[in-house]
Amino acid sequence: QVALVESGGGLVQPGESLRLSCATSGFPFNLYPMAWYRQTPGNERETVAYIMSNGDDIYYKESVKGRFITSRDNNKNTMYLQMNNVQAEDTAVYYCNVLNQYGFTPYSWGQGTQVIVSS
């Protein structure tokens, strides 16, 4: 059974940092491109960043480039999102899942982790 468990969210002030984790199980994590998504009320889920299976190819949404860093540990079946200099517009529920590109299909979504950026 596939499990995707996001953690690390919370309430932070603008300019601060946060590190999200995504613990996975039930599928061959090391073979799959993984992505961080986020969603705000009334809006569609958007891709924030993704990292290919080998960890060498990484994409970032333009608005987070230079501030967010994603990484993965294939030995731990875990992915990370280091969020630096967070801004109010980063407020969202963050999810991790398989990248929905290149013929891959995300699994059922986990509960996500809430990030609130507010002064």
C-alpha atoms as a PDB file:
ATOM      1  CA  GLN A   1       0.000   0.000   0.000  1.00  0.00           C
ATOM      2  CA  VAL A   2       1.368   3.341  -1.084  1.00  0.00           C
ATOM      3  CA  ALA A   3       1.877   5.961   1.592  1.00  0.00           C
ATOM      4  CA  LEU A   4       2.905   9.587   1.135  1.00  0.00           C
ATOM      5  CA  VAL A   5       3.377  11.457   4.401  1.00  0.00           C
ATOM      6  CA  GLU A   6       4.226  15.133   4.334  1.00  0.00           C
ATOM      7  CA  SER A   7       5.506  16.922   7.414  1.00  0.00           C
ATOM      8  CA  GLY A   8       7.312  20.038   8.517  1.00  0.00           C
ATOM      9  CA  GLY A   9       4.732  22.685   7.809  1.00  0.00           C
ATOM     10  CA  GLY A  10       3.768  25.410  10.212  1.00  0.00           C
ATOM     11  CA  LEU A  11       3.348  29.108  10.804  1.00  0.00           C
ATOM     12  CA  VAL A  12       6.344  31.206   9.844  1.00  0.00           C
ATOM     13  CA  GLN A  13       7.044  34.856   9.270  1.00  0.00           C
ATOM     14  CA  PRO A  14       8.047  36.283   5.901  1.00  0.00           C
ATOM     15  CA  GLY A  15      11.741  35.812   5.273  1.00  0.00           C
ATOM     16  CA  GLU A  16      12.054  32.777   7.488  1.00  0.00           C
ATOM     17  CA  SER A  17      12.867  29.210   6.469  1.00  0.00           C
ATOM     18  CA  LEU A  18      11.077  25.910   6.684  1.00  0.00           C
ATOM     19  CA  ARG A  19      11.963  22.356   5.694  1.00  0.00           C
ATOM     20  CA  LEU A  20       9.308  19.977   4.498  1.00  0.00           C
ATOM     21  CA  SER A  21       9.757  16.228   4.382  1.00  0.00           C
ATOM     22  CA  CYS A  22       7.950  13.581   2.372  1.00  0.00           C
ATOM     23  CA  ALA A  23       8.252  10.045   3.654  1.00  0.00           C
ATOM     24  CA  THR A  24       7.109   7.395   1.218  1.00  0.00           C
ATOM     25  CA  SER A  25       6.534   3.680   1.145  1.00  0.00           C
ATOM     26  CA  GLY A  26       4.850   1.048  -0.963  1.00  0.00           C
ATOM     27  CA  PHE A  27       6.386   1.826  -4.341  1.00  0.00           C
ATOM     28  CA  PRO A  28       9.886   1.914  -5.858  1.00  0.00           C
ATOM     29  CA  PHE A  29      10.698   5.464  -4.836  1.00  0.00           C
ATOM     30  CA  ASN A  30      14.154   5.382  -6.400  1.00  0.00           C
ATOM     31  CA  LEU A  31      12.672   4.783  -9.851  1.00  0.00           C
ATOM     32  CA  TYR A  32      10.129   7.598  -9.840  1.00  0.00           C
ATOM     33  CA  PRO A  33      10.383  11.322 -10.496  1.00  0.00           C
ATOM     34  CA  MET A  34       8.874  13.077  -7.500  1.00  0.00           C
ATOM     35  CA  ALA A  35       7.266  16.451  -7.128  1.00  0.00           C
ATOM     36  CA  TRP A  36       6.139  18.966  -4.573  1.00  0.00           C
ATOM     37  CA  TYR A  37       2.727  20.455  -5.207  1.00  0.00           C
ATOM     38  CA  ARG A  38       0.781  23.107  -3.362  1.00  0.00           C
ATOM     39  CA  GLN A  39      -2.814  24.163  -3.249  1.00  0.00           C
ATOM     40  CA  THR A  40      -4.719  27.108  -1.859  1.00  0.00           C
ATOM     41  CA  PRO A  41      -8.483  27.230  -1.311  1.00  0.00           C
ATOM     42  CA  GLY A  42     -10.411  27.576  -4.528  1.00  0.00           C
ATOM     43  CA  ASN A  43      -7.385  26.964  -6.716  1.00  0.00           C
ATOM     44  CA  GLU A  44      -5.976  23.993  -8.527  1.00  0.00           C
ATOM     45  CA  ARG A  45      -3.020  22.139  -7.206  1.00  0.00           C
ATOM     46  CA  GLU A  46       0.183  23.442  -8.806  1.00  0.00           C
ATOM     47  CA  THR A  47       3.623  21.979  -9.212  1.00  0.00           C
ATOM     48  CA  VAL A  48       6.220  23.777  -7.136  1.00  0.00           C
ATOM     49  CA  ALA A  49       9.256  21.659  -7.892  1.00  0.00           C
ATOM     50  CA  TYR A  50      10.147  18.253  -9.125  1.00  0.00           C
ATOM     51  CA  ILE A  51      13.222  16.064  -9.015  1.00  0.00           C
ATOM     52  CA  MET A  52      13.990  13.166 -11.277  1.00  0.00           C
ATOM     53  CA  SER A  53      14.769   9.732  -9.930  1.00  0.00           C
ATOM     54  CA  ASN A  54      18.529  10.190 -10.000  1.00  0.00           C
ATOM     55  CA  GLY A  55      18.325  13.561  -8.296  1.00  0.00           C
ATOM     56  CA  ASP A  56      20.271  15.286 -11.031  1.00  0.00           C
ATOM     57  CA  ASP A  57      17.468  16.986 -12.917  1.00  0.00           C
ATOM     58  CA  ILE A  58      15.407  19.434 -10.937  1.00  0.00           C
ATOM     59  CA  TYR A  59      12.713  21.927 -11.922  1.00  0.00           C
ATOM     60  CA  TYR A  60      11.350  24.850  -9.958  1.00  0.00           C
ATOM     61  CA  LYS A  61       8.328  27.009 -10.485  1.00  0.00           C
ATOM     62  CA  GLU A  62       9.586  30.447 -11.435  1.00  0.00           C
ATOM     63  CA  SER A  63       8.297  32.140  -8.320  1.00  0.00           C
ATOM     64  CA  VAL A  64      10.289  29.863  -6.009  1.00  0.00           C
ATOM     65  CA  LYS A  65      13.544  29.726  -7.948  1.00  0.00           C
ATOM     66  CA  GLY A  66      16.465  30.785  -5.795  1.00  0.00           C
ATOM     67  CA  ARG A  67      14.431  30.314  -2.604  1.00  0.00           C
ATOM     68  CA  PHE A  68      13.349  26.669  -2.540  1.00  0.00           C
ATOM     69  CA  ILE A  69      15.586  23.644  -2.828  1.00  0.00           C
ATOM     70  CA  THR A  70      14.293  20.142  -3.304  1.00  0.00           C
ATOM     71  CA  SER A  71      16.321  17.005  -2.695  1.00  0.00           C
ATOM     72  CA  ARG A  72      15.782  13.326  -2.193  1.00  0.00           C
ATOM     73  CA  ASP A  73      17.352  10.460  -0.323  1.00  0.00           C
ATOM     74  CA  ASN A  74      16.632   7.288  -2.248  1.00  0.00           C
ATOM     75  CA  ASN A  75      18.031   5.195   0.594  1.00  0.00           C
ATOM     76  CA  LYS A  76      15.383   6.616   2.922  1.00  0.00           C
ATOM     77  CA  ASN A  77      12.582   6.861   0.343  1.00  0.00           C
ATOM     78  CA  THR A  78      12.241  10.472   1.387  1.00  0.00           C
ATOM     79  CA  MET A  79      12.095  13.793  -0.401  1.00  0.00           C
ATOM     80  CA  TYR A  80      12.695  17.233   1.059  1.00  0.00           C
ATOM     81  CA  LEU A  81      11.790  20.817   0.295  1.00  0.00           C
ATOM     82  CA  GLN A  82      13.923  23.497   1.878  1.00  0.00           C
ATOM     83  CA  MET A  83      11.945  26.705   1.788  1.00  0.00           C
ATOM     84  CA  ASN A  84      13.990  29.844   2.343  1.00  0.00           C
ATOM     85  CA  ASN A  85      12.898  33.454   2.437  1.00  0.00           C
ATOM     86  CA  VAL A  86       9.276  32.402   2.419  1.00  0.00           C
ATOM     87  CA  GLN A  87       6.680  34.905   1.329  1.00  0.00           C
ATOM     88  CA  ALA A  88       2.986  35.292   1.982  1.00  0.00           C
ATOM     89  CA  GLU A  89       2.199  33.845  -1.435  1.00  0.00           C
ATOM     90  CA  ASP A  90       3.862  30.596  -0.375  1.00  0.00           C
ATOM     91  CA  THR A  91       0.998  29.997   2.025  1.00  0.00           C
ATOM     92  CA  ALA A  92      -0.651  26.758   0.940  1.00  0.00           C
ATOM     93  CA  VAL A  93      -1.054  23.100   1.709  1.00  0.00           C
ATOM     94  CA  TYR A  94       1.984  21.314   0.342  1.00  0.00           C
ATOM     95  CA  TYR A  95       1.799  17.793  -1.023  1.00  0.00           C
ATOM     96  CA  CYS A  96       4.313  15.386  -2.428  1.00  0.00           C
ATOM     97  CA  ASN A  97       3.622  12.759  -5.031  1.00  0.00           C
ATOM     98  CA  VAL A  98       4.917  11.190  -8.175  1.00  0.00           C
ATOM     99  CA  LEU A  99       5.403  13.728 -10.944  1.00  0.00           C
ATOM    100  CA  ASN A 100       2.428  13.821 -13.297  1.00  0.00           C
ATOM    101  CA  GLN A 101       4.503  14.069 -16.440  1.00  0.00           C
ATOM    102  CA  TYR A 102       6.513  11.782 -18.698  1.00  0.00           C
ATOM    103  CA  GLY A 103       3.889   9.077 -18.482  1.00  0.00           C
ATOM    104  CA  PHE A 104       3.880   8.908 -14.708  1.00  0.00           C
ATOM    105  CA  THR A 105       0.687   9.156 -12.698  1.00  0.00           C
ATOM    106  CA  PRO A 106       0.472  10.405  -9.139  1.00  0.00           C
ATOM    107  CA  TYR A 107      -0.791   8.071  -6.457  1.00  0.00           C
ATOM    108  CA  SER A 108      -3.642   8.926  -4.135  1.00  0.00           C
ATOM    109  CA  TRP A 109      -2.866  12.147  -2.324  1.00  0.00           C
ATOM    110  CA  GLY A 110      -1.733  12.306   1.269  1.00  0.00           C
ATOM    111  CA  GLN A 111      -3.004  14.834   3.771  1.00  0.00           C
ATOM    112  CA  GLY A 112      -0.386  17.404   2.941  1.00  0.00           C
ATOM    113  CA  THR A 113       1.270  19.806   5.314  1.00  0.00           C
ATOM    114  CA  GLN A 114       0.012  23.326   5.871  1.00  0.00           C
ATOM    115  CA  VAL A 115       2.408  26.224   5.468  1.00  0.00           C
ATOM    116  CA  ILE A 116       1.236  29.627   6.642  1.00  0.00           C
ATOM    117  CA  VAL A 117       3.430  32.640   6.069  1.00  0.00           C
ATOM    118  CA  SER A 118       2.241  35.583   8.076  1.00  0.00           C
ATOM    119  CA  SER A 119       3.659  38.382  10.134  1.00  0.00           C
END
